Amino acid sequence: MTFELGVYSFGNTPRLADGSRGPTAQAVRDVLEAIKLADEVGLDYFGVGEHHMRTMPLSSPTSIVNAAAASTSRIKLSTAVSVLSTDDPIRVFQQLATAAALAPGRIETVAGRGSSTITFPLFDQAEHDYDMLYASKLELLMAVNAGENVTFDGPHRTRPLHNATVFPRPEQPLKIWLGTGGSPDSVYRAVELGLPMFLGILGGTPEHWAQYGHAYRNAWTQADHPTEQADIAVAVHGYVADTSEKARATYLEHEHRMMAEGMAELGRPAPPRADRSAALGPNGMVFAGSPDEITDRILNLHQLLGHSRQILQMDVGGMPQRDYLHAIELLGTKVLPQIRAELAQP
């Protein structure tokens, strides 16, 4: 299985000279510029996350995917994640199928429950139905993806579907990943549904996350799924600069600001800066460093976990766009060639 490298973003509202935040509309334009560069430098994948915050304002990932589908030529594009608990799975499919018409074979989705309940009051959903909504909507998304005629009677709907048709259709079914922050229940849900697993990682160690890979594959084998279809991807925080010292100092500053501001919007305390500093080390899961260091760390994680894709969130905390674009360029032109050479990939 070919290893893929890429980037993901929730948007990064720019910081003005006086320290205030600029327009959230600029964050949308900036992420599209970043996607085009990622395509040009040869990266394999760009994921568009979903948040509903001033600091990270990409609230409609399928809209970004459609815009990027029309302006790129080879890179895979995906929601990462779509917060399915408070979205309509039929609309998500239709919007991604539209993107797939523009970029055949390059459109995927990661379906997740969401990392907070901020979207529930926004979209008039009941928080106590959190798990039911996600499970039922994921089942419907899979049914719609499987064929144009859909019969479905899940608990999130007030009326069943009987042989309903959903258009447009992609030339091939979309690849649907189950997104999880590491809940054991989510690991086994992915296996039960026969879905690839996308791990969203903020902390821990490579050895810790390797256990999730082993649990997923063991359960997959016990479920008698085809071995070659067991697939794991990883989304982490990270940043590439010309030197490891510069990468760590830059990313720690901006990541800490992102967490402090973002958690404040959610009414939660941010983790201490010292905790995040430790996560930037070789035994942590924040991949900030020089191209050579990031290459070595990705390869080490790949040896432990056996994942087929790794993506980095680099545009955090009002990081200047020029620094973000330079990091994407280094990831595509310095890190990816070394990984391919080490794994003997074309």
Protein backbone atom coordinates (compact mmCIF):
# COMPACT_ATOMS: atom_id res chain seq x y z
CA MET A 1 0.00 0.00 0.00
CA THR A 2 1.47 3.35 -1.04
CA PHE A 3 2.23 5.77 1.79
CA GLU A 4 0.68 9.22 1.35
CA LEU A 5 1.67 12.52 2.93
CA GLY A 6 -0.39 15.66 3.21
CA VAL A 7 -1.83 18.57 5.14
CA TYR A 8 -5.10 19.47 6.81
CA SER A 9 -6.60 22.73 7.96
CA PHE A 10 -9.51 24.15 9.94
CA GLY A 11 -8.70 27.60 8.62
CA ASN A 12 -6.39 30.15 10.19
CA THR A 13 -7.86 33.61 10.63
CA PRO A 14 -4.95 36.04 10.14
CA ARG A 15 -3.58 38.16 12.96
CA LEU A 16 -3.26 41.89 12.28
CA ALA A 17 -0.35 44.10 13.31
CA ASP A 18 -2.19 45.30 16.43
CA GLY A 19 -2.75 41.71 17.57
CA SER A 20 -6.44 41.58 16.65
CA ARG A 21 -7.95 39.06 14.27
CA GLY A 22 -8.47 39.88 10.62
CA PRO A 23 -11.45 38.81 8.49
CA THR A 24 -12.51 35.18 8.58
CA ALA A 25 -13.09 35.44 4.81
CA GLN A 26 -9.32 35.76 4.39
CA ALA A 27 -8.87 32.40 6.09
CA VAL A 28 -10.97 30.81 3.33
CA ARG A 29 -8.88 32.44 0.60
CA ASP A 30 -5.67 31.44 2.37
CA VAL A 31 -6.59 27.76 2.62
CA LEU A 32 -7.40 27.61 -1.09
CA GLU A 33 -4.00 29.14 -1.84
CA ALA A 34 -2.41 26.50 0.38
CA ILE A 35 -4.26 23.66 -1.36
CA LYS A 36 -3.06 24.83 -4.76
CA LEU A 37 0.53 24.92 -3.52
CA ALA A 38 0.21 21.46 -1.94
CA ASP A 39 -0.94 20.18 -5.33
CA GLU A 40 1.96 21.86 -7.13
CA VAL A 41 4.68 20.52 -4.80
CA GLY A 42 3.44 16.95 -5.10
CA LEU A 43 1.73 16.28 -1.78
CA ASP A 44 -0.80 13.46 -1.92
CA TYR A 45 -3.66 14.79 0.16
CA PHE A 46 -5.31 17.88 1.64
CA GLY A 47 -8.00 17.51 4.30
CA VAL A 48 -10.46 20.26 5.19
CA GLY A 49 -11.68 20.18 8.76
CA GLU A 50 -14.87 21.57 10.28
CA HIS A 51 -14.93 24.10 13.08
CA HIS A 52 -17.35 26.93 13.80
CA MET A 53 -15.00 29.38 15.50
CA ARG A 54 -13.55 32.80 14.73
CA THR A 55 -10.01 31.47 14.97
CA MET A 56 -10.70 28.37 12.82
CA PRO A 57 -13.67 29.29 10.61
CA LEU A 58 -13.86 26.53 7.98
CA SER A 59 -17.41 25.55 8.90
CA SER A 60 -18.35 24.08 5.51
CA PRO A 61 -15.60 21.67 4.43
CA THR A 62 -17.53 20.33 1.44
CA SER A 63 -17.66 23.88 0.01
CA ILE A 64 -13.87 24.17 0.23
CA VAL A 65 -13.45 20.72 -1.31
CA ASN A 66 -15.61 21.76 -4.27
CA ALA A 67 -13.66 24.97 -4.82
CA ALA A 68 -10.36 23.10 -4.59
CA ALA A 69 -11.57 20.35 -6.92
CA ALA A 70 -11.96 22.95 -9.67
CA SER A 71 -8.51 24.49 -9.12
CA THR A 72 -6.21 21.45 -8.63
CA SER A 73 -5.11 18.65 -10.91
CA ARG A 74 -3.85 15.66 -8.94
CA ILE A 75 -4.07 15.98 -5.14
CA LYS A 76 -6.68 14.01 -3.18
CA LEU A 77 -9.20 16.20 -1.37
CA SER A 78 -11.33 15.31 1.62
CA THR A 79 -13.32 16.57 4.54
CA ALA A 80 -11.31 15.90 7.68
CA VAL A 81 -13.72 15.63 9.31
CA SER A 82 -17.34 16.23 8.44
CA VAL A 83 -19.13 16.50 11.78
CA LEU A 84 -21.80 14.06 10.75
CA SER A 85 -23.73 14.18 14.03
CA THR A 86 -25.11 17.63 13.15
CA ASP A 87 -25.02 17.50 9.36
CA ASP A 88 -27.27 15.87 6.77
CA PRO A 89 -25.53 12.79 5.32
CA ILE A 90 -27.43 13.00 2.03
CA ARG A 91 -26.35 16.60 1.50
CA VAL A 92 -22.78 15.73 2.46
CA PHE A 93 -22.79 12.99 -0.15
CA GLN A 94 -24.35 15.19 -2.83
CA GLN A 95 -21.82 17.96 -2.27
CA LEU A 96 -18.89 15.56 -2.38
CA ALA A 97 -20.31 13.79 -5.43
CA THR A 98 -20.39 17.20 -7.12
CA ALA A 99 -16.71 17.65 -6.27
CA ALA A 100 -16.00 14.15 -7.58
CA ALA A 101 -17.51 15.15 -10.93
CA LEU A 102 -14.85 17.89 -11.12
CA ALA A 103 -12.03 15.73 -9.73
CA PRO A 104 -12.82 12.06 -10.46
CA GLY A 105 -11.12 9.63 -8.12
CA ARG A 106 -9.72 12.39 -5.90
CA ILE A 107 -12.56 12.99 -3.43
CA GLU A 108 -12.94 11.29 -0.04
CA THR A 109 -14.58 12.03 3.30
CA VAL A 110 -13.76 11.45 6.94
CA ALA A 111 -16.95 11.15 8.98
CA GLY A 112 -16.66 12.01 12.66
CA ARG A 113 -18.82 12.70 15.69
CA GLY A 114 -17.03 15.97 16.44
CA SER A 115 -14.65 16.96 19.21
CA SER A 116 -17.17 19.19 21.02
CA THR A 117 -20.91 19.77 21.24
CA ILE A 118 -20.69 23.35 19.92
CA THR A 119 -22.60 22.43 16.75
CA PHE A 120 -25.61 20.91 18.55
CA PRO A 121 -27.32 24.16 19.61
CA LEU A 122 -26.20 25.81 16.37
CA PHE A 123 -28.07 23.25 14.26
CA ASP A 124 -30.87 22.59 16.74
CA GLN A 125 -29.84 19.06 17.64
CA ALA A 126 -30.14 17.37 21.04
CA GLU A 127 -26.79 16.76 22.72
CA HIS A 128 -28.05 13.67 24.53
CA ASP A 129 -28.60 12.07 21.09
CA TYR A 130 -24.90 12.51 20.27
CA ASP A 131 -24.03 8.87 19.61
CA MET A 132 -27.36 7.87 18.07
CA LEU A 133 -27.19 10.74 15.57
CA TYR A 134 -23.67 9.85 14.52
CA ALA A 135 -24.29 6.11 14.20
CA SER A 136 -27.54 6.50 12.27
CA LYS A 137 -26.25 9.21 9.95
CA LEU A 138 -23.06 7.28 9.22
CA GLU A 139 -25.15 4.26 8.26
CA LEU A 140 -27.21 6.42 5.90
CA LEU A 141 -24.10 8.00 4.35
CA MET A 142 -22.74 4.53 3.63
CA ALA A 143 -26.07 3.43 2.13
CA VAL A 144 -26.25 6.45 -0.16
CA ASN A 145 -22.65 5.91 -1.23
CA ALA A 146 -23.34 2.25 -2.05
CA GLY A 147 -26.02 2.88 -4.67
CA GLU A 148 -28.43 5.43 -6.09
CA ASN A 149 -31.55 3.65 -4.77
CA VAL A 150 -31.74 3.95 -1.00
CA THR A 151 -34.09 2.32 1.50
CA PHE A 152 -33.36 3.39 5.05
CA ASP A 153 -35.22 3.67 8.35
CA GLY A 154 -32.72 4.93 10.92
CA PRO A 155 -33.62 6.49 14.27
CA HIS A 156 -32.47 10.00 13.35
CA ARG A 157 -35.17 10.36 10.68
CA THR A 158 -38.84 11.13 11.23
CA ARG A 159 -39.80 9.28 8.06
CA PRO A 160 -38.13 6.34 6.31
CA LEU A 161 -36.72 6.35 2.81
CA HIS A 162 -38.19 3.84 0.36
CA ASN A 163 -36.20 3.30 -2.83
CA ALA A 164 -35.20 6.99 -2.85
CA THR A 165 -32.75 8.17 -5.49
CA VAL A 166 -29.81 10.45 -4.75
CA PHE A 167 -27.91 12.37 -7.44
CA PRO A 168 -25.37 13.24 -8.72
CA ARG A 169 -23.36 10.05 -8.55
CA PRO A 170 -19.55 9.84 -8.66
CA GLU A 171 -18.09 7.47 -11.23
CA GLN A 172 -16.88 5.33 -8.33
CA PRO A 173 -18.03 5.24 -4.71
CA LEU A 174 -16.39 7.74 -2.37
CA LYS A 175 -13.86 6.41 0.11
CA ILE A 176 -15.41 6.96 3.56
CA TRP A 177 -13.12 6.92 6.58
CA LEU A 178 -14.30 6.72 10.16
CA GLY A 179 -12.72 9.57 12.08
CA THR A 180 -11.85 9.04 15.74
CA GLY A 181 -9.77 10.65 18.44
CA GLY A 182 -8.85 7.23 19.77
CA SER A 183 -11.99 5.98 21.46
CA PRO A 184 -11.82 2.16 21.68
CA ASP A 185 -15.52 2.05 20.76
CA SER A 186 -14.75 3.94 17.55
CA VAL A 187 -11.99 1.51 16.67
CA TYR A 188 -14.39 -1.41 16.88
CA ARG A 189 -17.15 0.54 15.14
CA ALA A 190 -14.81 1.04 12.17
CA VAL A 191 -14.16 -2.69 12.07
CA GLU A 192 -17.85 -3.55 12.42
CA LEU A 193 -18.71 -1.31 9.48
CA GLY A 194 -15.69 -2.39 7.43
CA LEU A 195 -14.35 1.16 7.24
CA PRO A 196 -10.79 2.50 7.18
CA MET A 197 -9.84 4.37 10.36
CA PHE A 198 -8.60 7.97 10.51
CA LEU A 199 -6.95 8.78 13.85
CA GLY A 200 -6.97 12.41 14.98
CA ILE A 201 -4.09 12.70 17.45
CA LEU A 202 -3.22 15.53 19.82
CA GLY A 203 -1.05 13.76 22.42
CA GLY A 204 0.39 10.48 23.55
CA THR A 205 3.38 8.60 22.18
CA PRO A 206 4.04 6.61 19.00
CA GLU A 207 4.01 3.41 21.05
CA HIS A 208 0.62 4.29 22.56
CA TRP A 209 -0.98 4.83 19.15
CA ALA A 210 0.59 1.69 17.77
CA GLN A 211 -1.67 -0.21 20.18
CA TYR A 212 -4.71 1.19 18.38
CA GLY A 213 -3.33 -0.04 15.10
CA HIS A 214 -2.82 -3.53 16.50
CA ALA A 215 -6.33 -3.59 18.03
CA TYR A 216 -7.89 -2.44 14.75
CA ARG A 217 -6.08 -5.03 12.64
CA ASN A 218 -6.68 -7.86 15.08
CA ALA A 219 -10.40 -7.11 15.20
CA TRP A 220 -10.42 -6.73 11.41
CA THR A 221 -8.96 -10.20 10.98
CA GLN A 222 -11.42 -11.69 13.46
CA ALA A 223 -14.27 -10.11 11.48
CA ASP A 224 -13.03 -11.90 8.32
CA HIS A 225 -12.68 -8.66 6.35
CA PRO A 226 -10.20 -8.75 3.45
CA THR A 227 -6.79 -8.09 4.98
CA GLU A 228 -5.71 -5.65 2.27
CA GLN A 229 -8.65 -3.36 3.06
CA ALA A 230 -7.53 -2.64 6.64
CA ASP A 231 -6.34 0.95 6.34
CA ILE A 232 -5.21 3.51 8.93
CA ALA A 233 -4.48 7.20 8.47
CA VAL A 234 -3.15 9.68 11.02
CA ALA A 235 -3.79 13.40 11.50
CA VAL A 236 -1.35 15.21 13.80
CA HIS A 237 -0.22 18.69 14.67
CA GLY A 238 3.09 19.54 13.05
CA TYR A 239 5.26 22.01 11.21
CA VAL A 240 8.33 21.93 8.99
CA ALA A 241 10.99 24.65 8.92
CA ASP A 242 14.56 24.85 7.68
CA THR A 243 15.88 23.88 11.13
CA SER A 244 14.38 21.92 14.00
CA GLU A 245 15.00 24.78 16.43
CA LYS A 246 13.06 27.23 14.27
CA ALA A 247 10.24 24.74 13.67
CA ARG A 248 9.74 24.02 17.35
CA ALA A 249 9.91 27.64 18.49
CA THR A 250 7.54 28.82 15.77
CA TYR A 251 5.03 26.03 16.18
CA LEU A 252 4.99 26.09 19.98
CA GLU A 253 4.19 29.81 19.95
CA HIS A 254 1.36 29.55 17.44
CA GLU A 255 -0.07 26.25 18.67
CA HIS A 256 -0.26 27.53 22.24
CA ARG A 257 -2.06 30.66 21.04
CA MET A 258 -4.47 28.56 18.97
CA MET A 259 -5.30 26.34 21.93
CA ALA A 260 -5.69 29.24 24.35
CA GLU A 261 -8.01 31.15 22.01
CA GLY A 262 -9.87 28.10 20.75
CA MET A 263 -10.48 26.62 24.17
CA ALA A 264 -11.63 30.03 25.41
CA GLU A 265 -14.29 30.04 22.67
CA LEU A 266 -15.41 26.62 23.93
CA GLY A 267 -15.26 27.66 27.58
CA ARG A 268 -12.40 25.28 28.40
CA PRO A 269 -8.90 25.80 29.80
CA ALA A 270 -5.96 25.36 27.44
CA PRO A 271 -3.29 22.76 28.26
CA PRO A 272 -0.16 24.22 29.89
CA ARG A 273 2.49 25.37 27.45
CA ALA A 274 5.04 23.06 29.09
CA ASP A 275 2.84 20.04 28.29
CA ARG A 276 2.77 20.94 24.63
CA SER A 277 6.51 21.59 24.61
CA ALA A 278 7.09 17.99 25.70
CA ALA A 279 4.81 16.78 22.90
CA LEU A 280 7.19 18.32 20.35
CA GLY A 281 9.98 15.95 21.37
CA PRO A 282 10.88 12.69 19.60
CA ASN A 283 8.63 10.68 21.95
CA GLY A 284 5.65 12.97 21.42
CA MET A 285 3.08 13.24 18.67
CA VAL A 286 3.60 16.84 17.53
CA PHE A 287 5.73 16.58 14.38
CA ALA A 288 7.61 19.90 14.37
CA GLY A 289 11.15 19.88 13.03
CA SER A 290 13.50 20.07 10.08
CA PRO A 291 12.74 18.06 6.93
CA ASP A 292 15.21 15.35 7.96
CA GLU A 293 13.81 15.08 11.49
CA ILE A 294 10.20 14.94 10.31
CA THR A 295 11.09 12.29 7.75
CA ASP A 296 12.69 10.11 10.43
CA ARG A 297 9.78 10.55 12.84
CA ILE A 298 7.13 9.75 10.23
CA LEU A 299 9.03 6.64 9.17
CA ASN A 300 9.36 5.55 12.80
CA LEU A 301 5.62 5.94 13.36
CA HIS A 302 4.93 4.08 10.11
CA GLN A 303 7.09 1.18 11.31
CA LEU A 304 5.14 1.01 14.58
CA LEU A 305 1.63 1.71 13.33
CA GLY A 306 1.69 0.65 9.70
CA HIS A 307 -0.46 3.59 8.61
CA SER A 308 -0.85 4.46 4.94
CA ARG A 309 -1.30 8.23 5.27
CA GLN A 310 -0.14 11.02 7.57
CA ILE A 311 -1.34 14.61 7.47
CA LEU A 312 -0.18 17.63 9.47
CA GLN A 313 -2.09 20.66 10.74
CA MET A 314 0.43 23.48 10.40
CA ASP A 315 -1.56 26.73 10.04
CA VAL A 316 -2.41 27.47 13.65
CA GLY A 317 -2.76 30.48 15.93
CA GLY A 318 -2.65 33.18 13.28
CA MET A 319 0.61 31.86 11.80
CA PRO A 320 1.64 34.13 8.90
CA GLN A 321 0.59 32.72 5.55
CA ARG A 322 4.11 32.98 4.13
CA ASP A 323 5.45 30.71 6.89
CA TYR A 324 2.65 28.21 6.30
CA LEU A 325 3.27 28.10 2.57
CA HIS A 326 7.00 27.60 3.11
CA ALA A 327 6.25 24.66 5.42
CA ILE A 328 4.02 23.08 2.75
CA GLU A 329 6.79 23.53 0.19
CA LEU A 330 9.32 21.82 2.47
CA LEU A 331 6.92 18.97 3.21
CA GLY A 332 6.39 18.31 -0.50
CA THR A 333 9.90 18.90 -1.85
CA LYS A 334 12.10 17.71 1.05
CA VAL A 335 10.16 15.31 3.28
CA LEU A 336 8.03 13.39 0.78
CA PRO A 337 10.93 12.45 -1.59
CA GLN A 338 12.90 11.03 1.36
CA ILE A 339 9.93 8.97 2.56
CA ARG A 340 9.34 7.61 -0.92
CA ALA A 341 12.99 6.73 -1.35
CA GLU A 342 13.12 4.99 2.05
CA LEU A 343 9.95 3.01 1.31
CA ALA A 344 11.04 2.38 -2.30
CA GLN A 345 7.96 4.07 -3.75
CA PRO A 346 7.84 5.82 -7.13
